[in-house]
Amino acid sequence: MTAIELPEIELTGPVTAAKPCALHPQAMCPAFGALRVLARIDGAHPVMATDIGCNYGLTFVTHFYGSRKSLLTHQLGTSELMQGDVVEGTRAAIEMAAQEPGCELIPVISLCVAETAGLPEEMLPTRVGNAEVVLVRVPAYAIYSHPETKDVALSTVLARLGEQDGPRADKTVVILGEVFPADPLAIDHLLRRMGVEQTIVLPGRNVGDLRRAGRVGAVAPLHPFYNRTITLFRSWRIPVVGGAPVGISGTYAWIKSLGEMLHLDPVLVNQIAEAERAAAQAVADHQPIEGTVLVTGYEGTELAYARLLIEAGADVPYVSTSIGQDPLVLPDELWLRRHGVRDIIYRKTLEHDVAALDAFKPDFVLGTTPFCNIAKDRGIPALYFTNQLAARPFFLSGGMAATAGFVRNAIAGGARAQWMLDFFAE
C-alpha cells in the first residue's frame, strides 16, 4: 500500500506568515532522529558514512541524549573524499564494529554528503560474524523533520530483520512510537486486561523484538509519522489500528477499534473503554483548562496534544508541526477543525508561529526554543514542547491528567510573567 497524496490545505484563519528567513535553521539536522533510534538498540553498533562535520555534530547530540556507546566512522575529510576510499573506509569501520562484544546489528547510516549518499550497497557485507549489516540511507536534505527519519531507520531495519516464517502471535500488539517510558507500561496493562497476551514497543532496545514484529496480530501507531513502517506492516498483512489512546473520545475509539480488530471479548472491551472514557472525562471536569493555547513544535504529535487540550477546555486556534500531511494525521485534523481550530500548519516555519502569536494573542504557548523565547519576550508563558510536555505521560486517562494539570498550572503563571515583563521594562 502506498501513501495517499493529500492536497495542501489553505489557511482559513488570520495567520499570514512572513517569508521564511534563510539565516536561521527551522529544525536540527533530521538525521538525528534515525541515529537516536539506532544507537539505542542493545547489541547495535552504528557506523556513520559521512564527513567530519556531520559526524562531530551528530555524535555530540546522540551522546547528549544518552546512547552510551561510541559511533564508529571512517575519517572522511576533504582529502579522503577526494581519494575515493569511502567504501573501503566504511568496510573497515564495519569490521571494527563487529568486534564489539555482543554485536548483533550494524546499521550503516549513509547521510546526505554527496560522496556518501550514493554508497553502493552491493559493495558492503550483509553479515560480519554474528552481526547483520544494514545500510540505512538518511538523505537529510530530503527529509524535513527528525521524527520522520525515525520512521526511515525503523522501517529499513525491520524490512531486513522482521521474520515472516512461523505462526502468527495473534494476541500480540506492536506499540509504535518513541514515548514517555511510563506510557507503554500503562497501555500494556490495559491491553492485557482486554485479553492481549503481549505488547512489543518499537522503536525499542531489543533486536529480538524487531525479529518478532513480523508475526504480530496488530500494529498500533501512537505517532502519525511512521508511514514507511506502517506500509511495511501492511505488506506483511498485519492490520493497523488508527488513532491513538489520547484524551476522552480518542481513547474510547482506539480501545474499541483494537478490540474489534483482535476479536477480543466485546463485552469486556466495552467495559474497559467506558471506564477509561469516564476517567478521562473526570480529569477534564476536575481540572479544566481555561485560556487560549498555541500548540507548535517539531515532534509530530502536536495535533494529538491539541485534541487533548481542547477536550480539557482550552481554546486552541492554531496548531503547527514539522511533519507533512499524511492519512495517519487526517482523523485528528478533521476532529480539530470540527472543534474550532482555525489554522493547522504542516511543514511549519518559525515565521508561521510568530504570525500566529500576533494574530491570536494566546495565554500560553507550547513550542520550540526560539518561538518560546519570542513569546516570553512578550510576557506570555511558554514552554519548550519537547523537554517539558513530551517528557510526561500522555496516553490514556493518566496521560490526560498529567498533561492537563501541567498546562493548567502553566497558564496560571501568566500574571507573574507579565509582572516580570513590567518590572524589567521600568
Protein backbone atom coordinates (compact mmCIF):
# COMPACT_ATOMS: atom_id res chain seq x y z
CA MET A 1 0.00 0.00 0.00
CA THR A 2 1.39 3.40 -0.92
CA ALA A 3 0.80 6.67 0.87
CA ILE A 4 -2.10 8.78 -0.36
CA GLU A 5 -1.04 12.13 -1.74
CA LEU A 6 -3.11 14.79 0.02
CA PRO A 7 -3.59 18.34 -1.30
CA GLU A 8 -2.13 21.30 0.53
CA ILE A 9 -4.55 22.90 2.98
CA GLU A 10 -5.28 26.57 2.50
CA LEU A 11 -5.21 28.71 5.62
CA THR A 12 -8.70 29.70 6.70
CA GLY A 13 -7.80 31.92 9.66
CA PRO A 14 -5.94 35.19 10.01
CA VAL A 15 -2.42 33.78 10.00
CA THR A 16 -0.24 35.13 7.22
CA ALA A 17 3.41 34.21 7.67
CA ALA A 18 6.30 36.34 6.57
CA LYS A 19 8.71 34.85 4.07
CA PRO A 20 10.89 32.28 5.90
CA CYS A 21 14.29 33.62 6.86
CA ALA A 22 17.19 31.79 5.24
CA LEU A 23 19.58 32.86 8.01
CA HIS A 24 18.27 30.61 10.77
CA PRO A 25 17.59 26.85 10.68
CA GLN A 26 13.98 25.74 11.07
CA ALA A 27 15.00 22.47 12.78
CA MET A 28 18.01 20.44 13.82
CA CYS A 29 19.62 18.05 11.33
CA PRO A 30 16.88 15.47 10.70
CA ALA A 31 19.40 12.62 10.69
CA PHE A 32 19.49 12.87 14.47
CA GLY A 33 16.17 11.02 14.70
CA ALA A 34 17.47 7.98 12.85
CA LEU A 35 20.71 7.95 14.79
CA ARG A 36 18.87 8.20 18.10
CA VAL A 37 16.69 5.18 17.31
CA LEU A 38 19.53 3.01 16.03
CA ALA A 39 22.08 3.87 18.72
CA ARG A 40 19.67 2.87 21.48
CA ILE A 41 19.26 -0.73 20.31
CA ASP A 42 21.16 -3.09 22.59
CA GLY A 43 23.69 -5.04 20.55
CA ALA A 44 23.63 -2.49 17.71
CA HIS A 45 26.82 -0.58 16.88
CA PRO A 46 26.11 2.10 14.27
CA VAL A 47 28.63 3.06 11.62
CA MET A 48 28.27 6.50 10.05
CA ALA A 49 29.23 7.20 6.46
CA THR A 50 29.55 10.96 6.27
CA ASP A 51 32.06 13.78 6.56
CA ILE A 52 33.79 15.10 9.68
CA GLY A 53 31.38 17.98 10.22
CA CYS A 54 28.24 15.84 10.25
CA ASN A 55 29.96 13.20 12.36
CA TYR A 56 31.01 15.72 15.01
CA GLY A 57 27.61 17.35 15.33
CA LEU A 58 25.54 14.16 15.34
CA THR A 59 27.89 12.37 17.73
CA PHE A 60 27.54 15.25 20.18
CA VAL A 61 23.75 15.28 20.01
CA THR A 62 23.49 11.49 20.26
CA HIS A 63 25.60 11.32 23.38
CA PHE A 64 23.64 14.22 24.82
CA TYR A 65 20.53 12.05 24.51
CA GLY A 66 22.16 9.11 26.24
CA SER A 67 23.11 6.45 23.71
CA ARG A 68 26.06 5.40 25.93
CA LYS A 69 28.06 3.98 23.07
CA SER A 70 30.59 5.18 20.54
CA LEU A 71 29.65 5.78 16.93
CA LEU A 72 32.19 4.33 14.52
CA THR A 73 33.12 6.09 11.31
CA HIS A 74 35.96 6.27 8.85
CA GLN A 75 37.85 9.57 8.89
CA LEU A 76 36.25 11.37 5.94
CA GLY A 77 37.68 14.81 5.42
CA THR A 78 38.22 16.58 2.12
CA SER A 79 41.34 14.56 1.37
CA GLU A 80 39.73 11.16 1.98
CA LEU A 81 36.63 12.06 -0.01
CA MET A 82 38.73 13.16 -2.97
CA GLN A 83 40.77 9.96 -2.85
CA GLY A 84 37.61 7.89 -3.26
CA ASP A 85 38.15 5.41 -0.42
CA VAL A 86 34.69 5.83 1.10
CA VAL A 87 33.69 2.21 0.56
CA GLU A 88 36.98 0.80 1.84
CA GLY A 89 36.88 3.02 4.91
CA THR A 90 33.27 2.12 5.66
CA ARG A 91 34.03 -1.60 5.34
CA ALA A 92 36.91 -1.18 7.81
CA ALA A 93 34.57 0.55 10.28
CA ILE A 94 32.06 -2.31 9.89
CA GLU A 95 34.75 -4.88 10.68
CA MET A 96 35.67 -2.92 13.82
CA ALA A 97 32.04 -2.66 14.93
CA ALA A 98 31.60 -6.42 14.54
CA GLN A 99 34.34 -6.96 17.12
CA GLU A 100 32.32 -5.18 19.83
CA PRO A 101 31.07 -7.63 22.49
CA GLY A 102 27.52 -8.80 21.86
CA CYS A 103 27.24 -7.09 18.47
CA GLU A 104 24.15 -8.36 16.61
CA LEU A 105 23.36 -5.44 14.31
CA ILE A 106 25.49 -2.91 12.43
CA PRO A 107 23.37 -0.14 10.91
CA VAL A 108 25.47 1.74 8.34
CA ILE A 109 24.00 5.24 8.29
CA SER A 110 24.66 6.98 4.98
CA LEU A 111 23.96 10.71 5.19
CA CYS A 112 23.46 13.34 2.53
CA VAL A 113 27.08 14.27 1.83
CA ALA A 114 27.34 13.85 -1.94
CA GLU A 115 30.20 11.35 -1.77
CA THR A 116 28.48 9.07 0.76
CA ALA A 117 24.79 9.44 -0.17
CA GLY A 118 25.42 7.15 -3.13
CA LEU A 119 27.24 4.47 -1.11
CA PRO A 120 26.80 1.26 -3.16
CA GLU A 121 25.00 -1.30 -1.01
CA GLU A 122 26.22 -4.23 -3.06
CA MET A 123 29.82 -3.43 -2.09
CA LEU A 124 29.10 -3.72 1.64
CA PRO A 125 28.88 -7.03 3.51
CA THR A 126 25.42 -8.17 4.60
CA ARG A 127 26.76 -10.00 7.62
CA VAL A 128 30.00 -9.97 9.58
CA GLY A 129 30.39 -12.64 12.27
CA ASN A 130 27.16 -12.69 14.28
CA ALA A 131 26.07 -9.23 13.18
CA GLU A 132 23.62 -8.28 10.43
CA VAL A 133 24.83 -5.29 8.40
CA VAL A 134 22.01 -2.99 7.21
CA LEU A 135 22.53 0.13 5.10
CA VAL A 136 20.20 2.92 6.26
CA ARG A 137 20.07 5.82 3.82
CA VAL A 138 19.14 9.08 5.55
CA PRO A 139 19.22 11.90 2.99
CA ALA A 140 18.57 14.65 5.49
CA TYR A 141 18.19 17.25 2.76
CA ALA A 142 15.11 15.35 1.53
CA ILE A 143 13.56 14.60 4.94
CA TYR A 144 12.20 17.67 6.66
CA SER A 145 11.89 16.56 10.28
CA HIS A 146 13.79 14.31 12.65
CA PRO A 147 10.69 12.27 13.63
CA GLU A 148 10.37 11.15 10.02
CA THR A 149 13.93 9.87 9.96
CA LYS A 150 12.99 7.63 12.89
CA ASP A 151 10.49 6.07 10.51
CA VAL A 152 13.18 5.68 7.82
CA ALA A 153 15.56 3.95 10.25
CA LEU A 154 12.98 1.65 11.83
CA SER A 155 11.37 0.56 8.54
CA THR A 156 14.77 -0.18 6.97
CA VAL A 157 15.92 -2.36 9.86
CA LEU A 158 12.54 -4.08 10.18
CA ALA A 159 12.48 -4.91 6.48
CA ARG A 160 15.72 -6.83 6.99
CA LEU A 161 15.15 -8.43 10.40
CA GLY A 162 11.39 -8.96 10.63
CA GLU A 163 10.72 -12.69 10.49
CA GLN A 164 7.76 -13.96 8.47
CA ASP A 165 8.24 -17.69 8.98
CA GLY A 166 6.42 -19.33 11.85
CA PRO A 167 2.98 -18.96 13.43
CA ARG A 168 1.35 -15.59 13.99
CA ALA A 169 1.11 -14.31 17.56
CA ASP A 170 -2.47 -13.17 17.06
CA LYS A 171 -2.81 -11.64 20.52
CA THR A 172 0.48 -9.68 20.38
CA VAL A 173 0.39 -5.97 19.52
CA VAL A 174 3.22 -3.71 18.33
CA ILE A 175 3.01 -0.30 20.02
CA LEU A 176 4.68 2.01 17.52
CA GLY A 177 6.21 5.23 18.83
CA GLU A 178 9.03 6.59 20.97
CA VAL A 179 7.14 7.78 24.05
CA PHE A 180 7.49 8.60 27.75
CA PRO A 181 8.63 5.36 29.49
CA ALA A 182 5.54 5.04 31.69
CA ASP A 183 3.12 5.15 28.76
CA PRO A 184 3.89 1.71 27.24
CA LEU A 185 3.53 0.16 30.68
CA ALA A 186 0.10 1.73 31.17
CA ILE A 187 -1.02 0.71 27.68
CA ASP A 188 0.30 -2.83 28.16
CA HIS A 189 -1.58 -3.15 31.46
CA LEU A 190 -4.84 -2.01 29.85
CA LEU A 191 -4.46 -4.28 26.82
CA ARG A 192 -3.72 -7.34 28.95
CA ARG A 193 -6.97 -6.72 30.84
CA MET A 194 -8.70 -6.83 27.44
CA GLY A 195 -7.11 -10.18 26.51
CA VAL A 196 -3.93 -9.14 24.69
CA GLU A 197 -1.11 -11.53 25.60
CA GLN A 198 1.92 -9.34 24.88
CA THR A 199 2.97 -5.94 23.56
CA ILE A 200 6.16 -5.05 21.68
CA VAL A 201 7.27 -1.42 21.79
CA LEU A 202 9.06 -0.05 18.70
CA PRO A 203 11.43 1.72 18.33
CA GLY A 204 12.92 -0.23 21.20
CA ARG A 205 16.13 -1.63 22.60
CA ASN A 206 15.78 -5.32 21.77
CA VAL A 207 16.88 -6.87 18.47
CA GLY A 208 14.63 -9.86 19.23
CA ASP A 209 11.60 -7.55 19.24
CA LEU A 210 12.48 -6.44 15.72
CA ARG A 211 12.54 -10.07 14.58
CA ARG A 212 9.25 -10.99 16.28
CA ALA A 213 7.46 -7.89 14.99
CA GLY A 214 6.86 -9.56 11.62
CA ARG A 215 4.43 -12.07 13.14
CA VAL A 216 2.24 -9.97 15.47
CA GLY A 217 -1.53 -9.69 15.40
CA ALA A 218 -1.81 -5.91 15.01
CA VAL A 219 0.09 -2.64 14.98
CA ALA A 220 -0.94 0.43 16.96
CA PRO A 221 0.93 3.59 15.85
CA LEU A 222 0.92 6.14 18.66
CA HIS A 223 2.53 8.75 16.39
CA PRO A 224 1.32 9.66 12.91
CA PHE A 225 4.63 9.88 11.05
CA TYR A 226 5.62 6.18 10.81
CA ASN A 227 4.33 5.96 7.27
CA ARG A 228 7.03 3.69 5.81
CA THR A 229 6.93 1.36 8.81
CA ILE A 230 3.17 1.02 8.60
CA THR A 231 3.37 0.38 4.86
CA LEU A 232 5.80 -2.44 5.64
CA PHE A 233 3.47 -3.99 8.23
CA ARG A 234 0.59 -3.81 5.77
CA SER A 235 2.71 -5.59 3.16
CA TRP A 236 3.06 -8.34 5.76
CA ARG A 237 -0.77 -8.41 6.05
CA ILE A 238 -0.69 -7.18 9.63
CA PRO A 239 -3.64 -4.88 10.41
CA VAL A 240 -3.10 -1.34 11.69
CA VAL A 241 -5.41 0.35 14.20
CA GLY A 242 -5.93 4.05 13.52
CA GLY A 243 -5.78 6.88 16.00
CA ALA A 244 -4.21 6.76 19.44
CA PRO A 245 -5.42 6.42 23.07
CA VAL A 246 -5.38 10.19 23.65
CA GLY A 247 -7.95 12.21 25.57
CA ILE A 248 -11.61 11.28 26.00
CA SER A 249 -13.05 10.40 22.60
CA GLY A 250 -9.72 9.29 21.12
CA THR A 251 -9.04 6.75 23.88
CA TYR A 252 -12.54 5.31 23.71
CA ALA A 253 -12.46 4.89 19.93
CA TRP A 254 -8.96 3.38 19.99
CA ILE A 255 -9.84 0.73 22.59
CA LYS A 256 -12.98 -0.27 20.72
CA SER A 257 -11.19 -0.45 17.36
CA LEU A 258 -8.30 -2.54 18.68
CA GLY A 259 -10.65 -4.92 20.48
CA GLU A 260 -12.65 -5.47 17.31
CA MET A 261 -9.51 -5.91 15.22
CA LEU A 262 -8.16 -8.63 17.54
CA HIS A 263 -11.58 -10.30 18.01
CA LEU A 264 -11.48 -9.81 21.77
CA ASP A 265 -14.50 -10.23 24.07
CA PRO A 266 -16.72 -7.28 23.02
CA VAL A 267 -18.42 -7.00 26.42
CA LEU A 268 -15.10 -6.81 28.26
CA VAL A 269 -13.64 -4.39 25.71
CA ASN A 270 -16.67 -2.11 26.02
CA GLN A 271 -16.43 -2.11 29.82
CA ILE A 272 -12.78 -1.07 29.70
CA ALA A 273 -13.42 1.56 27.02
CA GLU A 274 -16.29 3.07 29.01
CA ALA A 275 -14.22 3.09 32.20
CA GLU A 276 -11.30 4.88 30.50
CA ARG A 277 -13.61 7.40 28.89
CA ALA A 278 -15.24 8.14 32.23
CA ALA A 279 -11.83 8.51 33.94
CA ALA A 280 -10.62 10.93 31.26
CA GLN A 281 -13.86 12.92 31.46
CA ALA A 282 -13.44 13.16 35.23
CA VAL A 283 -9.98 14.66 34.70
CA ALA A 284 -11.41 17.28 32.33
CA ASP A 285 -14.19 18.11 34.77
CA HIS A 286 -11.89 18.30 37.80
CA GLN A 287 -9.07 20.39 36.32
CA PRO A 288 -10.44 22.23 33.29
CA ILE A 289 -8.11 24.41 31.26
CA GLU A 290 -9.22 27.99 30.72
CA GLY A 291 -7.41 30.11 28.18
CA THR A 292 -6.05 30.24 24.65
CA VAL A 293 -3.15 27.92 23.82
CA LEU A 294 -0.95 27.70 20.73
CA VAL A 295 0.45 24.20 20.14
CA THR A 296 3.56 24.25 17.95
CA GLY A 297 6.60 22.03 17.57
CA TYR A 298 8.57 19.55 15.50
CA GLU A 299 7.77 16.27 17.31
CA GLY A 300 4.89 15.27 15.03
CA THR A 301 2.44 14.80 17.93
CA GLU A 302 1.16 18.38 18.07
CA LEU A 303 -2.27 17.62 16.62
CA ALA A 304 -2.93 14.90 19.20
CA TYR A 305 -1.85 17.21 22.05
CA ALA A 306 -4.15 19.94 20.75
CA ARG A 307 -7.04 17.48 20.70
CA LEU A 308 -6.47 16.56 24.34
CA LEU A 309 -6.22 20.21 25.42
CA ILE A 310 -9.46 21.12 23.65
CA GLU A 311 -11.29 18.26 25.38
CA ALA A 312 -9.92 19.61 28.67
CA GLY A 313 -11.48 23.01 27.95
CA ALA A 314 -8.74 25.03 26.23
CA ASP A 315 -9.26 27.22 23.19
CA VAL A 316 -6.67 26.12 20.62
CA PRO A 317 -6.98 28.28 17.49
CA TYR A 318 -3.64 27.32 15.94
CA VAL A 319 -1.57 24.14 15.62
CA SER A 320 1.69 23.73 13.71
CA THR A 321 4.03 20.81 13.17
CA SER A 322 7.14 19.97 11.18
CA ILE A 323 5.74 16.73 9.76
CA GLY A 324 3.88 16.65 6.46
CA GLN A 325 0.27 15.80 5.71
CA ASP A 326 -0.48 12.09 5.76
CA PRO A 327 -3.52 9.81 6.04
CA LEU A 328 -2.46 8.94 9.59
CA VAL A 329 -2.85 12.59 10.63
CA LEU A 330 -6.15 13.16 8.87
CA PRO A 331 -8.53 11.91 11.63
CA ASP A 332 -7.02 14.28 14.20
CA GLU A 333 -7.01 17.12 11.69
CA LEU A 334 -10.70 16.68 10.87
CA TRP A 335 -11.57 16.45 14.58
CA LEU A 336 -9.65 19.64 15.34
CA ARG A 337 -11.31 21.58 12.54
CA ARG A 338 -14.74 20.49 13.82
CA HIS A 339 -13.78 21.78 17.26
CA GLY A 340 -12.71 25.30 16.43
CA VAL A 341 -9.07 25.14 15.30
CA ARG A 342 -8.73 27.83 12.64
CA ASP A 343 -5.26 27.09 11.29
CA ILE A 344 -3.31 23.81 11.04
CA ILE A 345 0.13 24.23 9.50
CA TYR A 346 2.23 21.33 8.22
CA ARG A 347 5.93 21.82 7.40
CA LYS A 348 5.76 24.89 9.57
CA THR A 349 8.37 27.61 9.93
CA LEU A 350 9.21 29.91 12.81
CA GLU A 351 7.62 32.73 10.81
CA HIS A 352 4.28 30.87 10.74
CA ASP A 353 4.32 30.59 14.53
CA VAL A 354 5.23 34.24 15.09
CA ALA A 355 2.38 35.29 12.79
CA ALA A 356 0.01 33.18 14.90
CA LEU A 357 1.33 34.84 18.05
CA ASP A 358 0.43 38.23 16.57
CA ALA A 359 -2.99 37.07 15.40
CA PHE A 360 -4.33 35.09 18.37
CA LYS A 361 -2.79 36.73 21.49
CA PRO A 362 -2.58 33.44 23.44
CA ASP A 363 -2.44 32.91 27.20
CA PHE A 364 0.12 30.12 26.82
CA VAL A 365 2.47 28.76 24.17
CA LEU A 366 3.96 25.33 23.61
CA GLY A 367 6.72 25.35 21.05
CA THR A 368 10.35 25.24 20.03
CA THR A 369 13.03 27.11 21.99
CA PRO A 370 13.25 30.12 19.63
CA PHE A 371 9.48 30.51 19.50
CA CYS A 372 9.12 30.20 23.26
CA ASN A 373 11.75 32.92 23.67
CA ILE A 374 9.75 35.27 21.45
CA ALA A 375 6.59 34.58 23.45
CA LYS A 376 8.35 35.17 26.77
CA ASP A 377 9.67 38.49 25.48
CA ARG A 378 6.01 39.50 25.23
CA GLY A 379 5.16 38.32 28.74
CA ILE A 380 3.35 35.17 27.55
CA PRO A 381 4.05 31.94 29.48
CA ALA A 382 5.76 29.48 27.14
CA LEU A 383 7.37 26.07 27.49
CA TYR A 384 9.58 24.03 25.21
CA PHE A 385 7.36 21.28 23.81
CA THR A 386 9.96 18.50 23.70
CA ASN A 387 11.61 18.76 27.11
CA GLN A 388 8.55 19.87 29.06
CA LEU A 389 5.39 18.34 27.65
CA ALA A 390 6.70 15.31 25.75
CA ALA A 391 8.66 14.32 28.87
CA ARG A 392 5.42 13.48 30.70
CA PRO A 393 2.79 10.74 30.38
CA PHE A 394 0.37 11.47 27.55
CA PHE A 395 -1.79 8.44 26.77
CA LEU A 396 -4.97 7.09 28.42
CA SER A 397 -6.65 8.87 31.32
CA GLY A 398 -3.41 9.02 33.32
CA GLY A 399 -1.72 10.89 30.50
CA MET A 400 -4.62 13.30 30.26
CA ALA A 401 -4.31 14.07 33.97
CA ALA A 402 -0.56 14.72 33.69
CA THR A 403 -0.87 16.89 30.58
CA ALA A 404 -3.95 18.90 31.55
CA GLY A 405 -2.65 19.60 35.06
CA PHE A 406 0.71 20.74 33.75
CA VAL A 407 -0.78 23.13 31.18
CA ARG A 408 -3.33 24.47 33.65
CA ASN A 409 -0.60 25.35 36.15
CA ALA A 410 1.49 26.98 33.43
CA ILE A 411 -1.38 29.23 32.36
CA ALA A 412 -1.91 30.22 36.00
CA GLY A 413 1.59 31.73 35.94
CA GLY A 414 0.60 34.29 33.31
CA ALA A 415 0.20 37.15 35.77
CA ARG A 416 3.68 36.52 37.15
CA ALA A 417 5.15 36.56 33.63
CA GLN A 418 3.51 39.92 32.93
CA TRP A 419 4.74 41.29 36.28
CA MET A 420 8.31 40.31 35.38
CA LEU A 421 7.96 41.94 31.96
CA ASP A 422 6.68 45.16 33.53
CA PHE A 423 9.35 45.10 36.23
CA PHE A 424 12.27 44.90 33.80
CA ALA A 425 10.68 47.43 31.46
CA GLU A 426 10.77 50.13 34.16
